[in-house]
């Protein structure tokens, strides 16, 4: 069974079998997809997680996450499988929070 660790090559998630390689990459990599400040105390951040969060094992790996920090929607979150989905999801969350 695969261990669920991934690294990014450009914007493409690639499985990484070697724990040391993954840990070294994870420690040094810029995993941010997007970050938007809505108000001084409210922001939206989208990152590459590096671990598959599709815990039931059905379908595509879930590797990206958008989360709201602060405000009435604090900790609202969505997750995605691809960089492109993450970018679109970030924009959608920013629009939702900015209303």
N, C-alpha and C. Protein backbone atom coordinates (compact mmCIF):
# COMPACT_ATOMS: atom_id res chain seq x y z
N UNK A 1 0.84 -1.20 0.00
CA UNK A 1 0.00 0.00 0.00
C UNK A 1 0.88 1.24 0.00
N UNK A 2 0.52 2.21 -0.83
CA UNK A 2 1.30 3.44 -0.94
C UNK A 2 1.19 4.27 0.34
N UNK A 3 2.26 4.98 0.68
CA UNK A 3 2.36 5.73 1.94
C UNK A 3 1.65 7.08 1.93
N UNK A 4 1.25 7.59 0.77
CA UNK A 4 0.50 8.84 0.70
C UNK A 4 1.33 10.10 0.71
N UNK A 5 2.66 10.00 0.63
CA UNK A 5 3.52 11.19 0.61
C UNK A 5 3.72 11.66 -0.83
N UNK A 6 3.67 12.98 -0.99
CA UNK A 6 3.86 13.59 -2.31
C UNK A 6 4.77 14.80 -2.19
N UNK A 7 5.49 15.08 -3.27
CA UNK A 7 6.21 16.33 -3.43
C UNK A 7 5.68 17.00 -4.70
N UNK A 8 6.03 18.26 -4.88
CA UNK A 8 5.64 18.97 -6.11
C UNK A 8 6.82 19.07 -7.05
N UNK A 9 6.57 18.77 -8.31
CA UNK A 9 7.50 19.07 -9.39
C UNK A 9 6.81 20.12 -10.23
N UNK A 10 7.20 21.37 -10.03
CA UNK A 10 6.44 22.49 -10.58
C UNK A 10 5.12 22.53 -9.84
N UNK A 11 4.02 22.37 -10.57
CA UNK A 11 2.69 22.33 -9.96
C UNK A 11 2.09 20.93 -9.95
N UNK A 12 2.91 19.94 -10.27
CA UNK A 12 2.43 18.57 -10.39
C UNK A 12 2.82 17.75 -9.16
N UNK A 13 1.83 17.20 -8.43
CA UNK A 13 2.15 16.31 -7.31
C UNK A 13 2.72 14.98 -7.81
N UNK A 14 3.81 14.56 -7.18
CA UNK A 14 4.48 13.32 -7.56
C UNK A 14 4.65 12.46 -6.30
N UNK A 15 4.24 11.18 -6.36
CA UNK A 15 4.43 10.31 -5.19
C UNK A 15 5.90 10.25 -4.79
N UNK A 16 6.15 10.18 -3.49
CA UNK A 16 7.52 10.11 -2.98
C UNK A 16 7.61 8.97 -1.98
N UNK A 17 8.24 7.89 -2.36
CA UNK A 17 8.37 6.70 -1.52
C UNK A 17 9.36 6.91 -0.37
N UNK A 18 10.41 7.67 -0.62
CA UNK A 18 11.50 7.81 0.34
C UNK A 18 11.16 8.86 1.41
N UNK A 19 11.05 8.42 2.65
CA UNK A 19 10.68 9.32 3.75
C UNK A 19 11.69 10.45 3.94
N UNK A 20 12.96 10.17 3.85
CA UNK A 20 13.99 11.20 4.04
C UNK A 20 13.94 12.24 2.92
N UNK A 21 13.76 11.77 1.70
CA UNK A 21 13.64 12.69 0.56
C UNK A 21 12.41 13.58 0.75
N UNK A 22 11.29 12.97 1.12
CA UNK A 22 10.06 13.73 1.33
C UNK A 22 10.23 14.75 2.46
N UNK A 23 10.81 14.32 3.58
CA UNK A 23 11.01 15.22 4.71
C UNK A 23 11.92 16.39 4.36
N UNK A 24 12.98 16.12 3.63
CA UNK A 24 13.90 17.19 3.21
C UNK A 24 13.19 18.16 2.28
N UNK A 25 12.44 17.64 1.30
CA UNK A 25 11.70 18.49 0.38
C UNK A 25 10.68 19.33 1.15
N UNK A 26 9.92 18.67 2.03
CA UNK A 26 8.84 19.34 2.77
C UNK A 26 9.38 20.48 3.63
N UNK A 27 10.53 20.27 4.22
CA UNK A 27 11.12 21.28 5.09
C UNK A 27 11.55 22.52 4.32
N UNK A 28 11.98 22.36 3.08
CA UNK A 28 12.56 23.46 2.30
C UNK A 28 11.61 24.08 1.28
N UNK A 29 10.57 23.38 0.90
CA UNK A 29 9.71 23.79 -0.22
C UNK A 29 8.79 24.96 0.15
N UNK A 30 8.50 25.77 -0.83
CA UNK A 30 7.43 26.77 -0.71
C UNK A 30 6.16 26.08 -1.17
N UNK A 31 5.30 25.74 -0.22
CA UNK A 31 4.09 24.97 -0.52
C UNK A 31 2.86 25.85 -0.73
N UNK A 32 3.04 27.17 -0.69
CA UNK A 32 1.92 28.08 -0.86
C UNK A 32 1.44 28.11 -2.30
N UNK A 33 0.16 27.98 -2.47
CA UNK A 33 -0.48 28.15 -3.77
C UNK A 33 -0.94 29.59 -3.90
N UNK A 34 -1.60 30.09 -2.86
CA UNK A 34 -2.10 31.47 -2.86
C UNK A 34 -2.38 31.90 -1.42
N UNK A 35 -2.27 33.19 -1.18
CA UNK A 35 -2.63 33.76 0.12
C UNK A 35 -3.22 35.14 -0.12
N UNK A 36 -4.38 35.40 0.48
CA UNK A 36 -5.08 36.66 0.28
C UNK A 36 -5.53 37.20 1.62
N UNK A 37 -5.18 38.46 1.89
CA UNK A 37 -5.66 39.14 3.09
C UNK A 37 -6.95 39.86 2.72
N UNK A 38 -8.03 39.53 3.45
CA UNK A 38 -9.34 40.13 3.19
C UNK A 38 -9.48 41.40 4.03
N UNK A 39 -9.14 41.30 5.30
CA UNK A 39 -9.11 42.39 6.27
C UNK A 39 -7.86 42.17 7.10
N UNK A 40 -7.46 43.14 7.91
CA UNK A 40 -6.25 42.91 8.71
C UNK A 40 -6.30 41.64 9.57
N UNK A 41 -7.49 41.22 9.97
CA UNK A 41 -7.61 40.04 10.84
C UNK A 41 -8.25 38.83 10.15
N UNK A 42 -8.40 38.89 8.82
CA UNK A 42 -9.01 37.78 8.08
C UNK A 42 -8.19 37.51 6.82
N UNK A 43 -7.79 36.25 6.65
CA UNK A 43 -7.05 35.88 5.45
C UNK A 43 -7.48 34.50 4.96
N UNK A 44 -7.16 34.24 3.71
CA UNK A 44 -7.43 32.95 3.08
C UNK A 44 -6.08 32.42 2.58
N UNK A 45 -5.78 31.19 2.94
CA UNK A 45 -4.51 30.59 2.54
C UNK A 45 -4.78 29.25 1.87
N UNK A 46 -4.05 29.00 0.78
CA UNK A 46 -4.15 27.73 0.07
C UNK A 46 -2.74 27.15 -0.04
N UNK A 47 -2.59 25.89 0.41
CA UNK A 47 -1.28 25.26 0.44
C UNK A 47 -1.33 23.84 -0.10
N UNK A 48 -0.17 23.35 -0.50
CA UNK A 48 0.04 21.95 -0.83
C UNK A 48 0.31 21.22 0.48
N UNK A 49 -0.43 20.16 0.78
CA UNK A 49 -0.33 19.47 2.06
C UNK A 49 0.83 18.46 2.12
N UNK A 50 1.17 17.87 1.00
CA UNK A 50 2.26 16.90 0.98
C UNK A 50 1.85 15.49 1.38
N UNK A 51 0.67 15.35 1.97
CA UNK A 51 0.13 14.04 2.35
C UNK A 51 -1.28 13.91 1.79
N UNK A 52 -1.60 12.72 1.34
CA UNK A 52 -2.93 12.47 0.79
C UNK A 52 -3.96 12.46 1.92
N UNK A 53 -4.93 13.37 1.84
CA UNK A 53 -6.01 13.46 2.82
C UNK A 53 -7.30 12.81 2.35
N UNK A 54 -7.20 11.98 1.32
CA UNK A 54 -8.33 11.16 0.88
C UNK A 54 -8.25 9.86 1.68
N UNK A 55 -8.77 9.90 2.88
CA UNK A 55 -8.57 8.81 3.82
C UNK A 55 -9.34 7.53 3.49
N UNK A 56 -10.37 7.62 2.64
CA UNK A 56 -11.09 6.39 2.30
C UNK A 56 -10.44 5.63 1.14
N UNK A 57 -9.47 6.27 0.48
CA UNK A 57 -8.73 5.59 -0.57
C UNK A 57 -9.44 5.49 -1.90
N UNK A 58 -10.65 6.02 -2.02
CA UNK A 58 -11.38 5.99 -3.28
C UNK A 58 -11.18 7.31 -4.02
N UNK A 59 -10.83 7.23 -5.27
CA UNK A 59 -10.67 8.44 -6.07
C UNK A 59 -9.28 9.02 -6.01
N UNK A 60 -9.18 10.24 -6.46
CA UNK A 60 -7.91 10.95 -6.56
C UNK A 60 -7.38 11.31 -5.17
N UNK A 61 -6.04 11.45 -5.04
CA UNK A 61 -5.50 11.92 -3.77
C UNK A 61 -5.93 13.37 -3.52
N UNK A 62 -6.13 13.71 -2.27
CA UNK A 62 -6.52 15.07 -1.86
C UNK A 62 -5.28 15.69 -1.24
N UNK A 63 -4.69 16.68 -1.94
CA UNK A 63 -3.35 17.15 -1.60
C UNK A 63 -3.24 18.64 -1.34
N UNK A 64 -4.29 19.39 -1.57
CA UNK A 64 -4.26 20.84 -1.40
C UNK A 64 -5.40 21.27 -0.48
N UNK A 65 -5.19 22.37 0.24
CA UNK A 65 -6.20 22.84 1.18
C UNK A 65 -6.27 24.36 1.19
N UNK A 66 -7.49 24.86 1.17
CA UNK A 66 -7.77 26.28 1.38
C UNK A 66 -8.42 26.42 2.74
N UNK A 67 -7.92 27.39 3.54
CA UNK A 67 -8.49 27.60 4.87
C UNK A 67 -8.59 29.10 5.15
N UNK A 68 -9.68 29.45 5.87
CA UNK A 68 -9.91 30.82 6.30
C UNK A 68 -9.35 30.97 7.71
N UNK A 69 -8.66 32.07 7.94
CA UNK A 69 -8.13 32.39 9.26
C UNK A 69 -8.72 33.71 9.72
N UNK A 70 -9.50 33.67 10.80
CA UNK A 70 -10.10 34.87 11.37
C UNK A 70 -11.51 35.11 10.87
N UNK A 71 -12.20 36.01 11.55
CA UNK A 71 -13.55 36.40 11.15
C UNK A 71 -14.59 35.34 11.45
N UNK A 72 -15.80 35.58 10.98
CA UNK A 72 -16.91 34.67 11.26
C UNK A 72 -16.78 33.33 10.54
N UNK A 73 -15.97 33.27 9.50
CA UNK A 73 -15.77 32.01 8.77
C UNK A 73 -14.45 31.34 9.15
N UNK A 74 -13.90 31.70 10.29
CA UNK A 74 -12.63 31.14 10.75
C UNK A 74 -12.66 29.61 10.68
N UNK A 75 -11.63 29.05 10.07
CA UNK A 75 -11.43 27.61 9.92
C UNK A 75 -12.29 26.96 8.83
N UNK A 76 -13.08 27.75 8.07
CA UNK A 76 -13.75 27.17 6.90
C UNK A 76 -12.66 26.61 5.99
N UNK A 77 -12.92 25.45 5.39
CA UNK A 77 -11.88 24.77 4.64
C UNK A 77 -12.47 24.01 3.47
N UNK A 78 -11.71 23.95 2.39
CA UNK A 78 -11.99 23.08 1.25
C UNK A 78 -10.69 22.42 0.84
N UNK A 79 -10.79 21.22 0.27
CA UNK A 79 -9.60 20.49 -0.18
C UNK A 79 -9.76 20.05 -1.63
N UNK A 80 -8.60 19.84 -2.29
CA UNK A 80 -8.57 19.59 -3.73
C UNK A 80 -7.49 18.58 -4.09
N UNK A 81 -7.57 18.08 -5.31
CA UNK A 81 -6.60 17.10 -5.81
C UNK A 81 -5.49 17.72 -6.65
N UNK A 82 -5.78 18.82 -7.34
CA UNK A 82 -4.78 19.39 -8.26
C UNK A 82 -4.51 20.86 -7.94
N UNK A 83 -3.37 21.33 -8.44
CA UNK A 83 -3.00 22.74 -8.29
C UNK A 83 -4.07 23.63 -8.90
N UNK A 84 -4.54 23.27 -10.09
CA UNK A 84 -5.53 24.09 -10.78
C UNK A 84 -6.83 24.19 -9.97
N UNK A 85 -7.27 23.06 -9.41
CA UNK A 85 -8.47 23.08 -8.55
C UNK A 85 -8.23 23.95 -7.32
N UNK A 86 -7.02 23.89 -6.77
CA UNK A 86 -6.69 24.69 -5.59
C UNK A 86 -6.73 26.18 -5.89
N UNK A 87 -6.20 26.58 -7.04
CA UNK A 87 -6.23 27.99 -7.45
C UNK A 87 -7.68 28.46 -7.59
N UNK A 88 -8.49 27.67 -8.29
CA UNK A 88 -9.91 28.02 -8.48
C UNK A 88 -10.64 28.04 -7.13
N UNK A 89 -10.36 27.07 -6.27
CA UNK A 89 -11.00 27.02 -4.96
C UNK A 89 -10.61 28.18 -4.08
N UNK A 90 -9.36 28.62 -4.17
CA UNK A 90 -8.91 29.79 -3.41
C UNK A 90 -9.71 31.02 -3.83
N UNK A 91 -9.82 31.23 -5.13
CA UNK A 91 -10.57 32.38 -5.64
C UNK A 91 -12.03 32.33 -5.19
N UNK A 92 -12.62 31.14 -5.21
CA UNK A 92 -14.01 30.96 -4.79
C UNK A 92 -14.16 31.30 -3.30
N UNK A 93 -13.23 30.85 -2.47
CA UNK A 93 -13.30 31.14 -1.04
C UNK A 93 -13.10 32.63 -0.78
N UNK A 94 -12.18 33.25 -1.46
CA UNK A 94 -11.96 34.70 -1.30
C UNK A 94 -13.24 35.46 -1.63
N UNK A 95 -13.89 35.07 -2.73
CA UNK A 95 -15.14 35.71 -3.12
C UNK A 95 -16.21 35.52 -2.05
N UNK A 96 -16.33 34.30 -1.52
CA UNK A 96 -17.31 34.00 -0.48
C UNK A 96 -17.06 34.83 0.78
N UNK A 97 -15.83 34.92 1.20
CA UNK A 97 -15.47 35.61 2.44
C UNK A 97 -15.55 37.13 2.28
N UNK A 98 -15.34 37.60 1.07
CA UNK A 98 -15.33 39.05 0.81
C UNK A 98 -16.71 39.68 0.76
N UNK A 99 -17.75 38.87 0.76
CA UNK A 99 -19.14 39.39 0.68
C UNK A 99 -19.52 40.12 1.94
